[in-house]
Amino acid sequence: MSFPSAGVAILHAVAGMVPPGKRQIKAENNAVQIVAAVKRDGQWRIALYQKTPARFDGRPALAADLTGELERAMAARAEELFESR
């Protein structure tokens, strides 16, 4: 997340999806997301939400890298959840 000026926030994220009944991310559904928020009257409001498929046309290594990154993050999060029980 970055704050390019007072009262403005930009969040850049990547997302993956694990289909119901499956245990691995379906790489074809990976996406890049951007949220722009502005603070008005003391409250943050979403001004823009944009989602783009993370296809990396012609660059399969980049798509594989993103899926690997998402799978590692998912595994780390699962570990945190199980440790807290």
C-alpha atoms as a PDB file:
ATOM      1  CA  MET A   1       0.000   0.000   0.000  1.00  0.00           C
ATOM      2  CA  SER A   2       1.232   3.476  -0.760  1.00  0.00           C
ATOM      3  CA  PHE A   3       0.038   6.944   0.143  1.00  0.00           C
ATOM      4  CA  PRO A   4       0.983   9.217  -2.776  1.00  0.00           C
ATOM      5  CA  SER A   5      -0.518  12.240  -1.010  1.00  0.00           C
ATOM      6  CA  ALA A   6      -2.486  13.090   2.100  1.00  0.00           C
ATOM      7  CA  GLY A   7      -5.866  11.391   2.023  1.00  0.00           C
ATOM      8  CA  VAL A   8      -5.053   9.109  -0.922  1.00  0.00           C
ATOM      9  CA  ALA A   9      -4.136   5.414  -0.699  1.00  0.00           C
ATOM     10  CA  ILE A  10      -3.231   2.979  -3.474  1.00  0.00           C
ATOM     11  CA  LEU A  11      -3.288  -0.783  -2.918  1.00  0.00           C
ATOM     12  CA  HIS A  12      -1.785  -3.110  -5.514  1.00  0.00           C
ATOM     13  CA  ALA A  13      -2.447  -6.810  -4.951  1.00  0.00           C
ATOM     14  CA  VAL A  14      -2.415 -10.152  -6.670  1.00  0.00           C
ATOM     15  CA  ALA A  15      -5.026 -12.819  -6.100  1.00  0.00           C
ATOM     16  CA  GLY A  16      -5.541 -16.466  -6.880  1.00  0.00           C
ATOM     17  CA  MET A  17      -8.468 -18.824  -6.477  1.00  0.00           C
ATOM     18  CA  VAL A  18      -8.712 -22.367  -5.186  1.00  0.00           C
ATOM     19  CA  PRO A  19     -11.792 -23.962  -6.766  1.00  0.00           C
ATOM     20  CA  PRO A  20     -14.285 -25.672  -4.442  1.00  0.00           C
ATOM     21  CA  GLY A  21     -13.155 -29.161  -3.535  1.00  0.00           C
ATOM     22  CA  LYS A  22      -9.585 -28.540  -4.725  1.00  0.00           C
ATOM     23  CA  ARG A  23      -6.364 -27.830  -2.840  1.00  0.00           C
ATOM     24  CA  GLN A  24      -4.329 -25.930  -5.425  1.00  0.00           C
ATOM     25  CA  ILE A  25      -4.669 -22.538  -7.036  1.00  0.00           C
ATOM     26  CA  LYS A  26      -6.144 -22.506 -10.527  1.00  0.00           C
ATOM     27  CA  ALA A  27      -3.522 -20.382 -12.300  1.00  0.00           C
ATOM     28  CA  GLU A  28      -5.891 -19.340 -15.104  1.00  0.00           C
ATOM     29  CA  ASN A  29      -7.879 -17.324 -12.536  1.00  0.00           C
ATOM     30  CA  ASN A  30      -4.944 -15.339 -11.116  1.00  0.00           C
ATOM     31  CA  ALA A  31      -5.572 -11.596 -11.150  1.00  0.00           C
ATOM     32  CA  VAL A  32      -3.868  -8.270 -10.498  1.00  0.00           C
ATOM     33  CA  GLN A  33      -5.991  -5.816  -8.523  1.00  0.00           C
ATOM     34  CA  ILE A  34      -5.702  -2.120  -7.778  1.00  0.00           C
ATOM     35  CA  VAL A  35      -7.757  -0.158  -5.274  1.00  0.00           C
ATOM     36  CA  ALA A  36      -7.578   3.618  -4.955  1.00  0.00           C
ATOM     37  CA  ALA A  37      -9.134   5.111  -1.837  1.00  0.00           C
ATOM     38  CA  VAL A  38      -9.662   8.675  -0.705  1.00  0.00           C
ATOM     39  CA  LYS A  39     -10.277   9.986   2.780  1.00  0.00           C
ATOM     40  CA  ARG A  40     -13.300  12.273   2.989  1.00  0.00           C
ATOM     41  CA  ASP A  41     -14.846  13.589   6.166  1.00  0.00           C
ATOM     42  CA  GLY A  42     -12.557  11.323   8.186  1.00  0.00           C
ATOM     43  CA  GLN A  43     -13.604   8.114   6.417  1.00  0.00           C
ATOM     44  CA  TRP A  44     -11.827   6.095   3.736  1.00  0.00           C
ATOM     45  CA  ARG A  45     -13.877   5.480   0.594  1.00  0.00           C
ATOM     46  CA  ILE A  46     -13.022   3.362  -2.420  1.00  0.00           C
ATOM     47  CA  ALA A  47     -12.740   5.599  -5.457  1.00  0.00           C
ATOM     48  CA  LEU A  48     -11.548   2.944  -7.920  1.00  0.00           C
ATOM     49  CA  TYR A  49     -11.380  -0.834  -8.061  1.00  0.00           C
ATOM     50  CA  GLN A  50      -9.762  -2.505 -11.045  1.00  0.00           C
ATOM     51  CA  LYS A  51      -9.091  -6.198 -11.662  1.00  0.00           C
ATOM     52  CA  THR A  52      -7.141  -7.621 -14.592  1.00  0.00           C
ATOM     53  CA  PRO A  53      -6.465 -11.268 -15.395  1.00  0.00           C
ATOM     54  CA  ALA A  54      -2.794 -12.061 -14.710  1.00  0.00           C
ATOM     55  CA  ARG A  55      -2.215 -13.922 -17.975  1.00  0.00           C
ATOM     56  CA  PHE A  56       1.291 -12.670 -18.776  1.00  0.00           C
ATOM     57  CA  ASP A  57       0.695 -13.474 -22.460  1.00  0.00           C
ATOM     58  CA  GLY A  58       3.752 -15.085 -24.009  1.00  0.00           C
ATOM     59  CA  ARG A  59       5.596 -15.180 -20.677  1.00  0.00           C
ATOM     60  CA  PRO A  60       4.648 -18.461 -18.994  1.00  0.00           C
ATOM     61  CA  ALA A  61       7.525 -18.202 -16.504  1.00  0.00           C
ATOM     62  CA  LEU A  62       6.001 -15.030 -15.023  1.00  0.00           C
ATOM     63  CA  ALA A  63       2.614 -16.728 -14.672  1.00  0.00           C
ATOM     64  CA  ALA A  64       4.268 -19.708 -12.951  1.00  0.00           C
ATOM     65  CA  ASP A  65       6.206 -17.371 -10.635  1.00  0.00           C
ATOM     66  CA  LEU A  66       2.983 -15.618  -9.577  1.00  0.00           C
ATOM     67  CA  THR A  67       1.214 -18.916  -8.917  1.00  0.00           C
ATOM     68  CA  GLY A  68       4.190 -20.079  -6.839  1.00  0.00           C
ATOM     69  CA  GLU A  69       4.151 -16.834  -4.846  1.00  0.00           C
ATOM     70  CA  LEU A  70       0.426 -17.198  -4.163  1.00  0.00           C
ATOM     71  CA  GLU A  71       0.782 -20.855  -3.159  1.00  0.00           C
ATOM     72  CA  ARG A  72       3.582 -20.006  -0.697  1.00  0.00           C
ATOM     73  CA  ALA A  73       1.477 -17.207   0.809  1.00  0.00           C
ATOM     74  CA  MET A  74      -1.504 -19.534   1.078  1.00  0.00           C
ATOM     75  CA  ALA A  75       0.597 -22.216   2.799  1.00  0.00           C
ATOM     76  CA  ALA A  76       2.046 -19.685   5.256  1.00  0.00           C
ATOM     77  CA  ARG A  77      -1.420 -18.384   6.086  1.00  0.00           C
ATOM     78  CA  ALA A  78      -2.753 -21.911   6.623  1.00  0.00           C
ATOM     79  CA  GLU A  79       0.155 -22.605   8.967  1.00  0.00           C
ATOM     80  CA  GLU A  80      -0.625 -19.450  10.958  1.00  0.00           C
ATOM     81  CA  LEU A  81      -4.283 -20.467  11.278  1.00  0.00           C
ATOM     82  CA  PHE A  82      -3.448 -23.949  12.519  1.00  0.00           C
ATOM     83  CA  GLU A  83      -0.867 -22.634  15.023  1.00  0.00           C
ATOM     84  CA  SER A  84      -3.443 -20.294  16.560  1.00  0.00           C
ATOM     85  CA  ARG A  85      -5.786 -23.156  17.452  1.00  0.00           C
END
